[in-house]
């Protein structure tokens, strides 16, 4: 009888351990289901947020392109700018091929639009720093370059409360901006070198 009691006692302990494991498994399964639901919700929110931000960046890029001054006729009537970072492409109303100078304006306008969106949307994770070192690439004329400089300054003029920095190199400084506090650093005339050795 004592042996039976010991066996029953051992079996009771095993049953209790198994029941504990079953309960632990149930709790873990509930936790997995809750986490899966949270992930699903967050993915949906991320997707919605991404679409919203991409749409606003597209709208801002279109606004900037329309201020190009008529140098690229397709920019005057632009309606949508599509982009994909993963595939490394940008389309204006489904078109990707433009003159070299128009592509420079497009890329710089896009980067400026991202900065503008980050200044309006404080939750956007973007460093609020814009470096434009290719403003005169590929046959850019001075009128177009200076127009873009004015558009850039004007578009940023309402953002005094949020810190940001724009660094733009150019050899065709707009004469009005050249006299302002926005221009820093020396001017390099022909024959002068940045590294004077």
N, C-alpha and C. Protein backbone atom coordinates (compact mmCIF):
# COMPACT_ATOMS: atom_id res chain seq x y z
N UNK A 1 0.81 -1.19 0.00
CA UNK A 1 0.00 0.00 0.00
C UNK A 1 0.85 1.25 0.00
N UNK A 2 1.94 1.18 0.81
CA UNK A 2 2.85 2.32 0.85
C UNK A 2 3.50 2.55 -0.51
N UNK A 3 3.84 1.44 -1.18
CA UNK A 3 4.44 1.54 -2.53
C UNK A 3 3.45 2.17 -3.49
N UNK A 4 2.20 1.77 -3.40
CA UNK A 4 1.17 2.35 -4.26
C UNK A 4 1.01 3.84 -4.00
N UNK A 5 1.02 4.18 -2.72
CA UNK A 5 0.90 5.60 -2.36
C UNK A 5 2.06 6.39 -2.96
N UNK A 6 3.28 5.84 -2.87
CA UNK A 6 4.46 6.51 -3.44
C UNK A 6 4.29 6.68 -4.95
N UNK A 7 3.82 5.60 -5.62
CA UNK A 7 3.61 5.65 -7.07
C UNK A 7 2.57 6.72 -7.43
N UNK A 8 1.45 6.69 -6.64
CA UNK A 8 0.42 7.70 -6.90
C UNK A 8 0.96 9.11 -6.66
N UNK A 9 1.78 9.24 -5.63
CA UNK A 9 2.38 10.53 -5.30
C UNK A 9 3.29 11.01 -6.44
N UNK A 10 4.11 10.08 -6.95
CA UNK A 10 5.00 10.40 -8.08
C UNK A 10 4.19 10.77 -9.31
N UNK A 11 3.12 9.96 -9.57
CA UNK A 11 2.26 10.25 -10.73
C UNK A 11 1.55 11.59 -10.55
N UNK A 12 1.12 11.91 -9.34
CA UNK A 12 0.46 13.19 -9.08
C UNK A 12 1.41 14.35 -9.36
N UNK A 13 2.67 14.16 -8.94
CA UNK A 13 3.67 15.21 -9.20
C UNK A 13 3.89 15.37 -10.70
N UNK A 14 3.96 14.26 -11.43
CA UNK A 14 4.13 14.31 -12.89
C UNK A 14 2.93 14.99 -13.55
N UNK A 15 1.73 14.61 -13.10
CA UNK A 15 0.51 15.22 -13.65
C UNK A 15 0.52 16.72 -13.38
N UNK A 16 0.91 17.11 -12.15
CA UNK A 16 0.97 18.54 -11.81
C UNK A 16 1.99 19.25 -12.69
N UNK A 17 3.16 18.60 -12.90
CA UNK A 17 4.20 19.20 -13.75
C UNK A 17 3.70 19.34 -15.18
N UNK A 18 3.04 18.30 -15.68
CA UNK A 18 2.49 18.34 -17.04
C UNK A 18 1.41 19.40 -17.16
N UNK A 19 0.54 19.47 -16.17
CA UNK A 19 -0.51 20.49 -16.18
C UNK A 19 0.11 21.89 -16.15
N UNK A 20 1.21 22.05 -15.38
CA UNK A 20 1.93 23.33 -15.34
C UNK A 20 2.51 23.69 -16.69
N UNK A 21 3.09 22.66 -17.35
CA UNK A 21 3.66 22.89 -18.69
C UNK A 21 2.57 23.20 -19.71
N UNK A 22 1.44 22.51 -19.58
CA UNK A 22 0.31 22.78 -20.49
C UNK A 22 -0.17 24.22 -20.32
N UNK A 23 -0.28 24.66 -19.05
CA UNK A 23 -0.71 26.04 -18.78
C UNK A 23 0.33 27.04 -19.32
N UNK A 24 1.61 26.70 -19.11
CA UNK A 24 2.69 27.57 -19.62
C UNK A 24 2.62 27.65 -21.14
N UNK A 25 2.37 26.50 -21.78
CA UNK A 25 2.25 26.47 -23.25
C UNK A 25 1.06 27.31 -23.70
N UNK A 26 -0.06 27.20 -22.97
CA UNK A 26 -1.24 28.00 -23.32
C UNK A 26 -0.94 29.49 -23.21
N UNK A 27 -0.26 29.87 -22.12
CA UNK A 27 0.10 31.29 -21.94
C UNK A 27 1.05 31.76 -23.04
N UNK A 28 2.02 30.92 -23.39
CA UNK A 28 2.95 31.27 -24.47
C UNK A 28 2.23 31.39 -25.81
N UNK A 29 1.31 30.47 -26.08
CA UNK A 29 0.53 30.54 -27.32
C UNK A 29 -0.30 31.82 -27.37
N UNK A 30 -0.90 32.17 -26.21
CA UNK A 30 -1.66 33.43 -26.15
C UNK A 30 -0.74 34.62 -26.43
N UNK A 31 0.44 34.57 -25.83
CA UNK A 31 1.42 35.65 -26.03
C UNK A 31 1.84 35.74 -27.50
N UNK A 32 2.07 34.57 -28.13
CA UNK A 32 2.44 34.54 -29.56
C UNK A 32 1.33 35.12 -30.41
N UNK A 33 0.08 34.75 -30.11
CA UNK A 33 -1.07 35.27 -30.86
C UNK A 33 -1.20 36.78 -30.69
N UNK A 34 -1.01 37.26 -29.44
CA UNK A 34 -1.09 38.70 -29.19
C UNK A 34 0.02 39.45 -29.91
N UNK A 35 1.24 38.89 -29.86
CA UNK A 35 2.36 39.52 -30.56
C UNK A 35 2.14 39.52 -32.06
N UNK A 36 1.64 38.42 -32.60
CA UNK A 36 1.36 38.34 -34.04
C UNK A 36 0.33 39.38 -34.43
N UNK A 37 -0.69 39.56 -33.60
CA UNK A 37 -1.72 40.58 -33.87
C UNK A 37 -1.13 41.99 -33.80
N UNK A 38 -0.27 42.22 -32.79
CA UNK A 38 0.41 43.52 -32.67
C UNK A 38 1.27 43.79 -33.90
N UNK A 39 2.01 42.77 -34.34
CA UNK A 39 2.88 42.93 -35.51
C UNK A 39 2.03 43.25 -36.74
N UNK A 40 0.92 42.55 -36.89
CA UNK A 40 0.02 42.79 -38.03
C UNK A 40 -0.50 44.23 -38.01
N UNK A 41 -0.92 44.69 -36.83
CA UNK A 41 -1.43 46.06 -36.70
C UNK A 41 -0.32 47.07 -37.02
N UNK A 42 0.86 46.83 -36.45
CA UNK A 42 1.98 47.76 -36.67
C UNK A 42 2.42 47.77 -38.13
N UNK A 43 2.40 46.60 -38.78
CA UNK A 43 2.74 46.56 -40.21
C UNK A 43 1.73 47.38 -41.02
N UNK A 44 0.47 47.25 -40.65
CA UNK A 44 -0.57 48.04 -41.32
C UNK A 44 -0.35 49.52 -41.10
N UNK A 45 -0.04 49.91 -39.85
CA UNK A 45 0.22 51.31 -39.55
C UNK A 45 1.45 51.81 -40.29
N UNK A 46 2.50 50.99 -40.34
CA UNK A 46 3.72 51.36 -41.04
C UNK A 46 3.45 51.55 -42.53
N UNK A 47 2.68 50.63 -43.08
CA UNK A 47 2.36 50.72 -44.51
C UNK A 47 1.55 51.99 -44.80
N UNK A 48 0.57 52.27 -43.96
CA UNK A 48 -0.25 53.47 -44.13
C UNK A 48 0.61 54.72 -43.98
N UNK A 49 1.45 54.73 -42.95
CA UNK A 49 2.34 55.88 -42.71
C UNK A 49 3.29 56.07 -43.88
N UNK A 50 3.85 54.98 -44.36
CA UNK A 50 4.79 55.07 -45.49
C UNK A 50 4.09 55.66 -46.71
N UNK A 51 2.89 55.18 -47.00
CA UNK A 51 2.15 55.71 -48.14
C UNK A 51 1.87 57.20 -47.98
N UNK A 52 1.51 57.61 -46.77
CA UNK A 52 1.22 59.02 -46.50
C UNK A 52 2.47 59.87 -46.70
N UNK A 53 3.59 59.44 -46.13
CA UNK A 53 4.84 60.21 -46.25
C UNK A 53 5.31 60.25 -47.70
N UNK A 54 5.25 59.11 -48.39
CA UNK A 54 5.66 59.08 -49.80
C UNK A 54 4.77 60.00 -50.64
N UNK A 55 3.48 60.02 -50.35
CA UNK A 55 2.56 60.89 -51.08
C UNK A 55 2.90 62.36 -50.85
N UNK A 56 3.19 62.71 -49.61
CA UNK A 56 3.52 64.11 -49.31
C UNK A 56 4.87 64.51 -49.93
N UNK A 57 5.83 63.60 -49.94
CA UNK A 57 7.12 63.89 -50.58
C UNK A 57 6.91 64.08 -52.08
N UNK A 58 6.08 63.24 -52.68
CA UNK A 58 5.76 63.37 -54.10
C UNK A 58 5.13 64.73 -54.38
N UNK A 59 4.14 65.12 -53.56
CA UNK A 59 3.48 66.42 -53.75
C UNK A 59 4.46 67.58 -53.63
N UNK A 60 5.34 67.50 -52.64
CA UNK A 60 6.32 68.57 -52.45
C UNK A 60 7.30 68.63 -53.62
N UNK A 61 7.71 67.47 -54.11
CA UNK A 61 8.63 67.44 -55.26
C UNK A 61 7.95 68.06 -56.48
N UNK A 62 6.69 67.73 -56.71
CA UNK A 62 5.94 68.31 -57.83
C UNK A 62 5.89 69.83 -57.70
N UNK A 63 5.58 70.32 -56.49
CA UNK A 63 5.53 71.77 -56.26
C UNK A 63 6.86 72.43 -56.60
N UNK A 64 7.95 71.80 -56.20
CA UNK A 64 9.28 72.35 -56.47
C UNK A 64 9.59 72.32 -57.97
N UNK A 65 9.24 71.22 -58.62
CA UNK A 65 9.50 71.11 -60.06
C UNK A 65 8.74 72.16 -60.85
N UNK A 66 7.54 72.48 -60.42
CA UNK A 66 6.74 73.48 -61.12
C UNK A 66 7.35 74.88 -61.01
N UNK A 67 8.26 75.05 -60.07
CA UNK A 67 8.94 76.34 -59.90
C UNK A 67 10.27 76.39 -60.64
N UNK A 68 10.52 75.39 -61.49
CA UNK A 68 11.79 75.31 -62.23
C UNK A 68 11.95 76.45 -63.23
N UNK A 69 10.89 77.14 -63.55
CA UNK A 69 11.01 78.29 -64.44
C UNK A 69 10.81 77.96 -65.91
N UNK A 70 10.22 76.82 -66.20
CA UNK A 70 9.92 76.48 -67.59
C UNK A 70 11.08 75.90 -68.36
N UNK A 71 12.18 75.60 -67.70
CA UNK A 71 13.33 75.03 -68.40
C UNK A 71 13.04 73.62 -68.91
N UNK A 72 12.20 72.88 -68.18
CA UNK A 72 11.79 71.53 -68.59
C UNK A 72 10.27 71.55 -68.70
N UNK A 73 9.72 71.53 -69.92
CA UNK A 73 8.27 71.61 -70.10
C UNK A 73 7.50 70.54 -69.32
N UNK A 74 8.03 69.35 -69.20
CA UNK A 74 7.33 68.28 -68.47
C UNK A 74 7.15 68.62 -66.99
N UNK A 75 8.01 69.46 -66.43
CA UNK A 75 7.90 69.84 -65.02
C UNK A 75 6.75 70.82 -64.80
N UNK A 76 6.42 71.61 -65.82
CA UNK A 76 5.37 72.63 -65.67
C UNK A 76 4.02 72.01 -65.34
N UNK A 77 3.73 70.86 -65.93
CA UNK A 77 2.43 70.21 -65.76
C UNK A 77 2.52 68.91 -64.96
N UNK A 78 3.62 68.74 -64.23
CA UNK A 78 3.80 67.49 -63.48
C UNK A 78 2.67 67.29 -62.48
N UNK A 79 2.25 66.04 -62.35
CA UNK A 79 1.18 65.72 -61.41
C UNK A 79 1.63 64.78 -60.29
N UNK A 80 2.52 63.86 -60.63
CA UNK A 80 2.96 62.91 -59.61
C UNK A 80 4.41 62.51 -59.84
N UNK A 81 5.14 62.40 -58.74
CA UNK A 81 6.51 61.87 -58.78
C UNK A 81 6.49 60.56 -58.02
N UNK A 82 6.85 59.49 -58.72
CA UNK A 82 6.92 58.18 -58.09
C UNK A 82 8.39 57.85 -57.87
N UNK A 83 8.67 57.17 -56.75
CA UNK A 83 10.06 56.81 -56.46
C UNK A 83 10.09 55.50 -55.69
N UNK A 84 11.20 54.81 -55.82
CA UNK A 84 11.41 53.56 -55.11
C UNK A 84 12.88 53.49 -54.74
N UNK A 85 13.16 53.55 -53.44
CA UNK A 85 14.55 53.53 -52.99
C UNK A 85 15.21 52.18 -53.30
N UNK A 86 14.46 51.11 -53.10
CA UNK A 86 15.01 49.77 -53.33
C UNK A 86 15.40 49.53 -54.78
N UNK A 87 14.58 50.03 -55.70
CA UNK A 87 14.84 49.84 -57.13
C UNK A 87 15.61 51.00 -57.73
N UNK A 88 15.86 52.04 -56.93
CA UNK A 88 16.66 53.19 -57.35
C UNK A 88 16.10 53.84 -58.62
N UNK A 89 14.82 54.23 -58.56
CA UNK A 89 14.26 54.95 -59.70
C UNK A 89 13.32 56.05 -59.24
N UNK A 90 13.15 57.03 -60.13
CA UNK A 90 12.25 58.14 -59.89
C UNK A 90 11.57 58.46 -61.21
N UNK A 91 10.25 58.62 -61.17
CA UNK A 91 9.48 58.90 -62.38
C UNK A 91 8.65 60.17 -62.17
N UNK A 92 8.57 60.99 -63.20
CA UNK A 92 7.67 62.13 -63.20
C UNK A 92 6.58 61.82 -64.21
N UNK A 93 5.37 61.60 -63.71
CA UNK A 93 4.24 61.21 -64.56
C UNK A 93 4.60 60.02 -65.45
N UNK A 94 5.30 59.05 -64.87
CA UNK A 94 5.67 57.83 -65.59
C UNK A 94 6.90 57.95 -66.46
N UNK A 95 7.51 59.10 -66.50
CA UNK A 95 8.68 59.33 -67.37
C UNK A 95 9.94 59.40 -66.52
N UNK A 96 11.00 58.75 -67.02
CA UNK A 96 12.25 58.74 -66.26
C UNK A 96 13.41 59.42 -66.99
N UNK A 97 13.28 59.62 -68.27
CA UNK A 97 14.39 60.19 -69.05
C UNK A 97 14.17 61.68 -69.28
N UNK A 98 15.15 62.47 -68.85
CA UNK A 98 15.14 63.91 -69.04
C UNK A 98 16.54 64.34 -69.42
N UNK A 99 16.68 65.60 -69.76
CA UNK A 99 18.03 66.11 -70.02
C UNK A 99 18.84 66.00 -68.74
N UNK A 100 20.14 66.03 -68.86
CA UNK A 100 21.01 65.86 -67.70
C UNK A 100 20.76 66.95 -66.66
N UNK A 101 20.59 68.19 -67.11
CA UNK A 101 20.35 69.27 -66.14
C UNK A 101 18.97 69.12 -65.48
N UNK A 102 17.98 68.62 -66.22
CA UNK A 102 16.65 68.40 -65.64
C UNK A 102 16.70 67.27 -64.61
N UNK A 103 17.48 66.26 -64.87
CA UNK A 103 17.63 65.18 -63.89
C UNK A 103 18.29 65.69 -62.62
N UNK A 104 19.24 66.63 -62.76
CA UNK A 104 19.86 67.24 -61.58
C UNK A 104 18.83 68.01 -60.77
N UNK A 105 17.99 68.79 -61.46
CA UNK A 105 16.92 69.54 -60.77
C UNK A 105 15.96 68.58 -60.10
N UNK A 106 15.59 67.51 -60.79
CA UNK A 106 14.67 66.52 -60.24
C UNK A 106 15.23 65.91 -58.96
N UNK A 107 16.47 65.45 -59.00
CA UNK A 107 17.08 64.81 -57.82
C UNK A 107 17.20 65.80 -56.66
N UNK A 108 17.65 67.01 -56.96
CA UNK A 108 17.81 68.00 -55.89
C UNK A 108 16.46 68.43 -55.32
N UNK A 109 15.45 68.54 -56.18
CA UNK A 109 14.10 68.88 -55.71
C UNK A 109 13.56 67.76 -54.82
N UNK A 110 13.81 66.53 -55.21
CA UNK A 110 13.37 65.39 -54.41
C UNK A 110 14.03 65.40 -53.03
N UNK A 111 15.34 65.63 -53.00
CA UNK A 111 16.04 65.67 -51.71
C UNK A 111 15.54 66.84 -50.85
N UNK A 112 15.29 67.98 -51.48
CA UNK A 112 14.74 69.12 -50.76
C UNK A 112 13.34 68.79 -50.23
N UNK A 113 12.54 68.09 -51.01
CA UNK A 113 11.19 67.70 -50.58
C UNK A 113 11.25 66.80 -49.35
N UNK A 114 12.22 65.90 -49.30
CA UNK A 114 12.38 65.04 -48.12
C UNK A 114 12.70 65.89 -46.90
N UNK A 115 13.61 66.84 -47.06
CA UNK A 115 13.95 67.73 -45.94
C UNK A 115 12.72 68.53 -45.50
N UNK A 116 11.98 69.07 -46.45
CA UNK A 116 10.79 69.85 -46.12
C UNK A 116 9.76 69.00 -45.36
N UNK A 117 9.57 67.78 -45.81
CA UNK A 117 8.62 66.89 -45.13
C UNK A 117 9.09 66.60 -43.71
N UNK A 118 10.39 66.40 -43.54
CA UNK A 118 10.91 66.11 -42.19
C UNK A 118 10.77 67.31 -41.27
N UNK A 119 10.80 68.50 -41.83
CA UNK A 119 10.62 69.71 -41.01
C UNK A 119 9.15 69.88 -40.59
N UNK A 120 8.24 69.45 -41.43
CA UNK A 120 6.81 69.53 -41.11
C UNK A 120 6.37 68.37 -40.22
N UNK A 121 6.94 67.21 -40.42
CA UNK A 121 6.56 66.00 -39.70
C UNK A 121 7.65 65.67 -38.68
N UNK A 122 7.44 66.09 -37.45
CA UNK A 122 8.46 65.92 -36.41
C UNK A 122 8.73 64.46 -36.06
N UNK A 123 7.84 63.54 -36.46
CA UNK A 123 8.06 62.12 -36.15
C UNK A 123 8.86 61.42 -37.25
N UNK A 124 9.14 62.12 -38.33
CA UNK A 124 9.91 61.52 -39.42
C UNK A 124 11.38 61.43 -39.01
N UNK A 125 11.93 60.24 -39.15
CA UNK A 125 13.32 60.04 -38.76
C UNK A 125 14.23 60.36 -39.94
N UNK A 126 14.68 61.59 -39.94
CA UNK A 126 15.55 62.09 -41.01
C UNK A 126 16.48 63.11 -40.36
N UNK A 127 17.74 63.13 -40.71
CA UNK A 127 18.69 63.98 -39.98
C UNK A 127 18.54 65.49 -40.17
N UNK A 128 17.64 65.95 -41.04
CA UNK A 128 17.42 67.37 -41.31
C UNK A 128 18.71 68.07 -41.72
N UNK A 129 19.43 67.37 -42.56
CA UNK A 129 20.66 67.89 -43.15
C UNK A 129 20.60 67.60 -44.64
N UNK A 130 20.85 68.63 -45.44
CA UNK A 130 20.80 68.46 -46.89
C UNK A 130 22.11 68.94 -47.48
N UNK A 131 22.78 68.04 -48.18
CA UNK A 131 24.03 68.36 -48.87
C UNK A 131 23.78 68.30 -50.37
N UNK A 132 23.97 69.43 -51.04
CA UNK A 132 23.79 69.49 -52.49
C UNK A 132 25.13 69.91 -53.10
N UNK A 133 25.81 68.94 -53.66
CA UNK A 133 27.13 69.20 -54.20
C UNK A 133 27.16 69.03 -55.71
N UNK A 134 26.01 68.86 -56.33
CA UNK A 134 26.01 68.60 -57.77
C UNK A 134 25.07 69.56 -58.51
N UNK A 135 24.95 70.77 -58.02
CA UNK A 135 23.97 71.69 -58.60
C UNK A 135 24.34 72.16 -60.00
N UNK A 136 25.60 72.12 -60.35
CA UNK A 136 25.99 72.54 -61.70
C UNK A 136 26.41 71.38 -62.59
N UNK A 137 26.11 70.19 -62.18
CA UNK A 137 26.47 69.04 -63.00
C UNK A 137 25.73 69.06 -64.34
N UNK A 138 26.34 68.52 -65.32
CA UNK A 138 25.69 68.14 -66.57
C UNK A 138 25.01 69.29 -67.32
N UNK A 139 25.75 70.33 -67.57
CA UNK A 139 25.25 71.38 -68.45
C UNK A 139 24.25 72.34 -67.84
N UNK A 140 24.24 72.48 -66.54
CA UNK A 140 23.33 73.41 -65.88
C UNK A 140 23.74 74.84 -66.24
N UNK A 141 22.77 75.68 -66.65
CA UNK A 141 23.11 77.08 -66.92
C UNK A 141 22.86 77.90 -65.66
N UNK A 142 23.44 79.10 -65.61
CA UNK A 142 23.39 79.91 -64.40
C UNK A 142 21.97 80.35 -64.05
N UNK A 143 21.14 80.68 -65.05
CA UNK A 143 19.77 81.10 -64.75
C UNK A 143 19.00 80.00 -64.02
N UNK A 144 19.15 78.79 -64.49
CA UNK A 144 18.41 77.68 -63.89
C UNK A 144 18.96 77.35 -62.50
N UNK A 145 20.26 77.37 -62.36
CA UNK A 145 20.88 77.09 -61.07
C UNK A 145 20.48 78.15 -60.04
N UNK A 146 20.51 79.41 -60.45
CA UNK A 146 20.16 80.49 -59.53
C UNK A 146 18.67 80.45 -59.19
N UNK A 147 17.85 80.07 -60.13
CA UNK A 147 16.42 79.91 -59.86
C UNK A 147 16.21 78.84 -58.79
N UNK A 148 16.91 77.71 -58.92
CA UNK A 148 16.77 76.65 -57.92
C UNK A 148 17.23 77.14 -56.55
N UNK A 149 18.30 77.93 -56.51
CA UNK A 149 18.78 78.47 -55.24
C UNK A 149 17.69 79.33 -54.58
N UNK A 150 17.03 80.16 -55.36
CA UNK A 150 15.96 81.01 -54.82
C UNK A 150 14.77 80.16 -54.35
N UNK A 151 14.42 79.13 -55.14
CA UNK A 151 13.33 78.23 -54.75
C UNK A 151 13.66 77.55 -53.43
N UNK A 152 14.89 77.08 -53.29
CA UNK A 152 15.33 76.41 -52.07
C UNK A 152 15.21 77.35 -50.86
N UNK A 153 15.73 78.56 -50.99
CA UNK A 153 15.69 79.52 -49.88
C UNK A 153 14.24 79.87 -49.53
N UNK A 154 13.44 80.12 -50.54
CA UNK A 154 12.03 80.48 -50.31
C UNK A 154 11.27 79.34 -49.64
N UNK A 155 11.50 78.11 -50.08
CA UNK A 155 10.75 76.97 -49.53
C UNK A 155 11.12 76.69 -48.08
N UNK A 156 12.31 77.10 -47.67
CA UNK A 156 12.75 76.88 -46.29
C UNK A 156 12.51 78.09 -45.39
N UNK A 157 12.02 79.17 -45.95
CA UNK A 157 11.92 80.43 -45.21
C UNK A 157 10.96 80.38 -44.02
N UNK A 158 10.03 79.44 -43.99
CA UNK A 158 9.05 79.38 -42.91
C UNK A 158 9.44 78.44 -41.77
N UNK A 159 10.63 77.89 -41.83
CA UNK A 159 11.03 76.90 -40.83
C UNK A 159 12.13 77.44 -39.92
N UNK A 160 11.76 78.41 -39.09
CA UNK A 160 12.74 78.99 -38.17
C UNK A 160 12.83 78.24 -36.86
N UNK A 161 11.75 77.56 -36.47
CA UNK A 161 11.71 76.94 -35.15
C UNK A 161 12.37 75.56 -35.10
N UNK A 162 12.47 74.89 -36.23
CA UNK A 162 13.09 73.56 -36.26
C UNK A 162 14.50 73.67 -36.83
N UNK A 163 15.50 73.20 -36.10
CA UNK A 163 16.87 73.30 -36.61
C UNK A 163 17.10 72.39 -37.82
N UNK A 164 17.80 72.91 -38.80
CA UNK A 164 18.18 72.13 -39.97
C UNK A 164 19.41 72.80 -40.58
N UNK A 165 20.06 72.11 -41.49
CA UNK A 165 21.22 72.69 -42.17
C UNK A 165 21.21 72.27 -43.62
N UNK A 166 21.49 73.23 -44.49
CA UNK A 166 21.62 72.97 -45.91
C UNK A 166 23.01 73.45 -46.33
N UNK A 167 23.73 72.57 -46.97
CA UNK A 167 25.04 72.93 -47.52
C UNK A 167 24.95 72.71 -49.02
N UNK A 168 25.14 73.79 -49.75
CA UNK A 168 25.04 73.74 -51.21
C UNK A 168 26.29 74.37 -51.80
N UNK A 169 26.95 73.63 -52.65
CA UNK A 169 28.11 74.21 -53.33
C UNK A 169 27.67 74.66 -54.72
N UNK A 170 28.15 75.81 -55.11
CA UNK A 170 27.82 76.32 -56.43
C UNK A 170 28.88 77.31 -56.89
N UNK A 171 29.10 77.33 -58.18
CA UNK A 171 29.98 78.35 -58.76
C UNK A 171 29.16 79.44 -59.42
N UNK A 172 27.83 79.31 -59.34
CA UNK A 172 26.91 80.27 -59.96
C UNK A 172 25.96 80.84 -58.92
N UNK A 173 26.49 81.48 -57.89
CA UNK A 173 25.67 81.99 -56.80
C UNK A 173 24.74 83.08 -57.31
N UNK A 174 23.48 83.00 -56.89
CA UNK A 174 22.53 84.05 -57.22
C UNK A 174 23.05 85.36 -56.61
N UNK A 175 23.14 86.45 -57.40
CA UNK A 175 23.72 87.69 -56.89
C UNK A 175 23.04 88.21 -55.62
N UNK A 176 21.71 88.06 -55.50
CA UNK A 176 21.01 88.53 -54.29
C UNK A 176 21.38 87.68 -53.07
N UNK A 177 21.49 86.40 -53.28
CA UNK A 177 21.85 85.52 -52.16
C UNK A 177 23.32 85.68 -51.78
N UNK A 178 24.14 86.03 -52.77
CA UNK A 178 25.57 86.18 -52.53
C UNK A 178 25.85 87.28 -51.51
N UNK A 179 24.96 88.25 -51.44
CA UNK A 179 25.15 89.38 -50.52
C UNK A 179 24.55 89.09 -49.15
N UNK A 180 23.95 87.94 -48.98
CA UNK A 180 23.26 87.62 -47.73
C UNK A 180 24.15 86.80 -46.80
N UNK A 181 23.63 86.62 -45.59
CA UNK A 181 24.35 85.82 -44.59
C UNK A 181 24.28 84.33 -44.89
N UNK A 182 23.51 83.94 -45.92
CA UNK A 182 23.38 82.53 -46.27
C UNK A 182 24.64 81.98 -46.92
N UNK A 183 25.42 82.86 -47.54
CA UNK A 183 26.65 82.42 -48.22
C UNK A 183 27.83 82.51 -47.27
N UNK A 184 28.53 81.42 -47.15
CA UNK A 184 29.70 81.38 -46.28
C UNK A 184 30.88 80.82 -47.06
N UNK A 185 32.06 81.12 -46.59
CA UNK A 185 33.26 80.59 -47.22
C UNK A 185 33.78 81.50 -48.31
N UNK A 186 35.00 81.25 -48.72
CA UNK A 186 35.63 82.11 -49.73
C UNK A 186 35.09 81.83 -51.13
N UNK A 187 35.30 82.80 -52.00
CA UNK A 187 35.00 82.63 -53.42
C UNK A 187 36.29 82.20 -54.10
N UNK A 188 36.17 81.31 -55.04
CA UNK A 188 37.34 80.82 -55.76
C UNK A 188 37.25 81.28 -57.21
N UNK A 189 38.12 82.19 -57.57
CA UNK A 189 38.19 82.64 -58.96
C UNK A 189 39.02 81.64 -59.75
N UNK A 190 38.99 81.79 -61.06
CA UNK A 190 39.76 80.88 -61.91
C UNK A 190 41.23 80.98 -61.55
N UNK A 191 41.84 79.82 -61.37
CA UNK A 191 43.25 79.76 -61.00
C UNK A 191 43.47 79.59 -59.51
N UNK A 192 42.45 79.90 -58.72
CA UNK A 192 42.55 79.67 -57.27
C UNK A 192 42.19 78.22 -56.98
N UNK A 193 42.81 77.68 -55.97
CA UNK A 193 42.54 76.26 -55.64
C UNK A 193 42.13 76.13 -54.18
N UNK A 194 41.26 75.18 -53.93
CA UNK A 194 40.81 74.97 -52.56
C UNK A 194 41.96 74.50 -51.68
N UNK A 195 42.86 73.75 -52.25
CA UNK A 195 44.08 73.34 -51.55
C UNK A 195 45.23 74.16 -52.11
N UNK A 196 45.62 75.17 -51.39
CA UNK A 196 46.67 76.07 -51.87
C UNK A 196 48.00 75.59 -51.34
N UNK A 197 48.64 74.67 -52.08
CA UNK A 197 49.90 74.09 -51.63
C UNK A 197 51.08 74.80 -52.26
